Amino acid sequence: MAWSGPQEAAVRVITEVVRNAVQHVGAGRVTLTMSVDEADVLHVDVTDPRPADHGLDEALLGSDGTGMAFVRQLGGQVSWFPDESGSGKTIRVRMQPRGLDHTFPRIEAP
């Protein structure tokens, strides 16, 4: 996939979001979908069968010490929506491409 943004940051974001889903879903399928839109924005969707529960919005804001704070530090804009079945959810991370300098700060994962 051709995306002009920082590849290493994208890999770290994808790894964290998938790890988080697998850790919290228990039994069930986790699906990863990635795309790049016309504006060169990377979209990373991770869908799992676990319904949204109390505290999800706070967790996605990274305010409870979760890995989503790490995702945001790497440039990810995090949101969620119910999946098509209504029983699960999709976590979406959008990453804007940066300028020609694709460096980003070194941040240790939580």
C-alpha atoms as a PDB file:
ATOM      1  CA  MET A   1       0.000   0.000   0.000  1.00  0.00           C
ATOM      2  CA  ALA A   2       1.415   3.354  -0.985  1.00  0.00           C
ATOM      3  CA  TRP A   3       1.145   5.887   1.824  1.00  0.00           C
ATOM      4  CA  SER A   4       3.499   8.835   2.063  1.00  0.00           C
ATOM      5  CA  GLY A   5       3.336   9.060   5.861  1.00  0.00           C
ATOM      6  CA  PRO A   6       5.800   7.630   8.398  1.00  0.00           C
ATOM      7  CA  GLN A   7       5.747   3.874   7.805  1.00  0.00           C
ATOM      8  CA  GLU A   8       7.317   2.903  11.129  1.00  0.00           C
ATOM      9  CA  ALA A   9       4.740   4.935  13.051  1.00  0.00           C
ATOM     10  CA  ALA A  10       1.937   3.278  11.070  1.00  0.00           C
ATOM     11  CA  VAL A  11       3.269  -0.206  11.860  1.00  0.00           C
ATOM     12  CA  ARG A  12       3.494   0.652  15.559  1.00  0.00           C
ATOM     13  CA  VAL A  13      -0.061   2.058  15.555  1.00  0.00           C
ATOM     14  CA  ILE A  14      -1.454  -1.008  13.750  1.00  0.00           C
ATOM     15  CA  THR A  15       0.354  -3.334  16.147  1.00  0.00           C
ATOM     16  CA  GLU A  16      -1.018  -1.530  19.208  1.00  0.00           C
ATOM     17  CA  VAL A  17      -4.624  -1.389  17.980  1.00  0.00           C
ATOM     18  CA  VAL A  18      -4.666  -5.069  16.964  1.00  0.00           C
ATOM     19  CA  ARG A  19      -2.928  -6.112  20.212  1.00  0.00           C
ATOM     20  CA  ASN A  20      -5.497  -4.178  22.192  1.00  0.00           C
ATOM     21  CA  ALA A  21      -8.415  -5.821  20.374  1.00  0.00           C
ATOM     22  CA  VAL A  22      -7.000  -9.343  20.736  1.00  0.00           C
ATOM     23  CA  GLN A  23      -6.280  -8.751  24.422  1.00  0.00           C
ATOM     24  CA  HIS A  24      -9.815  -7.570  25.189  1.00  0.00           C
ATOM     25  CA  VAL A  25     -12.011  -9.604  22.849  1.00  0.00           C
ATOM     26  CA  GLY A  26     -11.522 -13.093  24.292  1.00  0.00           C
ATOM     27  CA  ALA A  27     -13.100 -15.547  21.847  1.00  0.00           C
ATOM     28  CA  GLY A  28     -14.034 -14.274  18.427  1.00  0.00           C
ATOM     29  CA  ARG A  29     -12.628 -12.851  15.234  1.00  0.00           C
ATOM     30  CA  VAL A  30     -10.647  -9.629  14.984  1.00  0.00           C
ATOM     31  CA  THR A  31     -10.522  -8.103  11.499  1.00  0.00           C
ATOM     32  CA  LEU A  32      -7.968  -5.556  10.288  1.00  0.00           C
ATOM     33  CA  THR A  33      -8.733  -3.381   7.262  1.00  0.00           C
ATOM     34  CA  MET A  34      -6.466  -0.648   5.950  1.00  0.00           C
ATOM     35  CA  SER A  35      -6.922   1.882   3.180  1.00  0.00           C
ATOM     36  CA  VAL A  36      -5.498   5.161   1.937  1.00  0.00           C
ATOM     37  CA  ASP A  37      -7.956   7.785   0.725  1.00  0.00           C
ATOM     38  CA  GLU A  38      -7.619  10.457  -1.956  1.00  0.00           C
ATOM     39  CA  ALA A  39      -6.117  12.902   0.563  1.00  0.00           C
ATOM     40  CA  ASP A  40      -3.399  10.351   1.445  1.00  0.00           C
ATOM     41  CA  VAL A  41      -4.940   9.709   4.880  1.00  0.00           C
ATOM     42  CA  LEU A  42      -4.320   6.205   6.205  1.00  0.00           C
ATOM     43  CA  HIS A  43      -7.410   4.515   7.686  1.00  0.00           C
ATOM     44  CA  VAL A  44      -6.875   1.540   9.993  1.00  0.00           C
ATOM     45  CA  ASP A  45     -10.052  -0.280  11.066  1.00  0.00           C
ATOM     46  CA  VAL A  46     -10.003  -3.067  13.643  1.00  0.00           C
ATOM     47  CA  THR A  47     -13.367  -4.792  14.096  1.00  0.00           C
ATOM     48  CA  ASP A  48     -14.139  -7.195  16.911  1.00  0.00           C
ATOM     49  CA  PRO A  49     -17.299  -8.922  18.192  1.00  0.00           C
ATOM     50  CA  ARG A  50     -17.189  -7.319  21.635  1.00  0.00           C
ATOM     51  CA  PRO A  51     -19.832  -4.615  22.057  1.00  0.00           C
ATOM     52  CA  ALA A  52     -18.808  -1.150  23.125  1.00  0.00           C
ATOM     53  CA  ASP A  53     -18.883  -0.990  26.888  1.00  0.00           C
ATOM     54  CA  HIS A  54     -18.778   1.655  29.539  1.00  0.00           C
ATOM     55  CA  GLY A  55     -15.442   3.412  29.510  1.00  0.00           C
ATOM     56  CA  LEU A  56     -14.638   2.852  25.817  1.00  0.00           C
ATOM     57  CA  ASP A  57     -14.647   6.550  24.973  1.00  0.00           C
ATOM     58  CA  GLU A  58     -12.294   7.322  27.865  1.00  0.00           C
ATOM     59  CA  ALA A  59     -10.015   4.445  26.851  1.00  0.00           C
ATOM     60  CA  LEU A  60      -9.873   5.684  23.265  1.00  0.00           C
ATOM     61  CA  LEU A  61      -8.961   9.153  24.479  1.00  0.00           C
ATOM     62  CA  GLY A  62      -6.043   7.541  26.271  1.00  0.00           C
ATOM     63  CA  SER A  63      -7.135   9.126  29.517  1.00  0.00           C
ATOM     64  CA  ASP A  64      -7.027   5.868  31.456  1.00  0.00           C
ATOM     65  CA  GLY A  65      -3.408   4.992  30.678  1.00  0.00           C
ATOM     66  CA  THR A  66      -4.196   2.662  27.776  1.00  0.00           C
ATOM     67  CA  GLY A  67      -2.200   2.079  24.623  1.00  0.00           C
ATOM     68  CA  MET A  68      -4.454   4.534  22.817  1.00  0.00           C
ATOM     69  CA  ALA A  69      -2.412   7.363  24.325  1.00  0.00           C
ATOM     70  CA  PHE A  70       0.579   5.802  22.563  1.00  0.00           C
ATOM     71  CA  VAL A  71      -1.424   5.646  19.310  1.00  0.00           C
ATOM     72  CA  ARG A  72      -2.256   9.334  19.641  1.00  0.00           C
ATOM     73  CA  GLN A  73       1.388  10.237  20.334  1.00  0.00           C
ATOM     74  CA  LEU A  74       2.261   8.579  17.041  1.00  0.00           C
ATOM     75  CA  GLY A  75      -0.261  10.749  15.187  1.00  0.00           C
ATOM     76  CA  GLY A  76      -3.353   8.527  15.238  1.00  0.00           C
ATOM     77  CA  GLN A  77      -6.822  10.056  15.501  1.00  0.00           C
ATOM     78  CA  VAL A  78      -8.942   7.386  17.205  1.00  0.00           C
ATOM     79  CA  SER A  79     -12.711   6.880  17.018  1.00  0.00           C
ATOM     80  CA  TRP A  80     -15.160   3.988  17.056  1.00  0.00           C
ATOM     81  CA  PHE A  81     -18.542   2.957  15.658  1.00  0.00           C
ATOM     82  CA  PRO A  82     -20.808  -0.094  15.966  1.00  0.00           C
ATOM     83  CA  ASP A  83     -20.181  -2.784  13.370  1.00  0.00           C
ATOM     84  CA  GLU A  84     -22.806  -3.699  10.780  1.00  0.00           C
ATOM     85  CA  SER A  85     -24.292  -6.458  12.951  1.00  0.00           C
ATOM     86  CA  GLY A  86     -24.748  -4.066  15.856  1.00  0.00           C
ATOM     87  CA  SER A  87     -23.192  -6.533  18.270  1.00  0.00           C
ATOM     88  CA  GLY A  88     -19.540  -5.575  17.853  1.00  0.00           C
ATOM     89  CA  LYS A  89     -17.546  -2.478  17.100  1.00  0.00           C
ATOM     90  CA  THR A  90     -14.868  -1.034  14.884  1.00  0.00           C
ATOM     91  CA  ILE A  91     -12.011   1.051  16.201  1.00  0.00           C
ATOM     92  CA  ARG A  92     -10.812   3.457  13.504  1.00  0.00           C
ATOM     93  CA  VAL A  93      -7.464   5.187  13.471  1.00  0.00           C
ATOM     94  CA  ARG A  94      -6.783   7.916  10.926  1.00  0.00           C
ATOM     95  CA  MET A  95      -3.214   8.994  10.271  1.00  0.00           C
ATOM     96  CA  GLN A  96      -2.406  12.105   8.282  1.00  0.00           C
ATOM     97  CA  PRO A  97       0.713  12.037   6.142  1.00  0.00           C
ATOM     98  CA  ARG A  98       3.413  14.355   7.358  1.00  0.00           C
ATOM     99  CA  GLY A  99       5.665  16.542   5.255  1.00  0.00           C
ATOM    100  CA  LEU A 100       8.794  15.306   3.536  1.00  0.00           C
ATOM    101  CA  ASP A 101      10.458  14.796   6.921  1.00  0.00           C
ATOM    102  CA  HIS A 102       8.879  11.543   8.090  1.00  0.00           C
ATOM    103  CA  THR A 103      10.646  11.468  11.409  1.00  0.00           C
ATOM    104  CA  PHE A 104       8.661  11.182  14.598  1.00  0.00           C
ATOM    105  CA  PRO A 105       9.571  11.145  18.258  1.00  0.00           C
ATOM    106  CA  ARG A 106      10.839   7.935  19.789  1.00  0.00           C
ATOM    107  CA  ILE A 107       8.169   6.814  22.230  1.00  0.00           C
ATOM    108  CA  GLU A 108       8.246   3.615  24.217  1.00  0.00           C
ATOM    109  CA  ALA A 109       5.100   1.496  24.153  1.00  0.00           C
ATOM    110  CA  PRO A 110       3.207   1.282  27.435  1.00  0.00           C
END
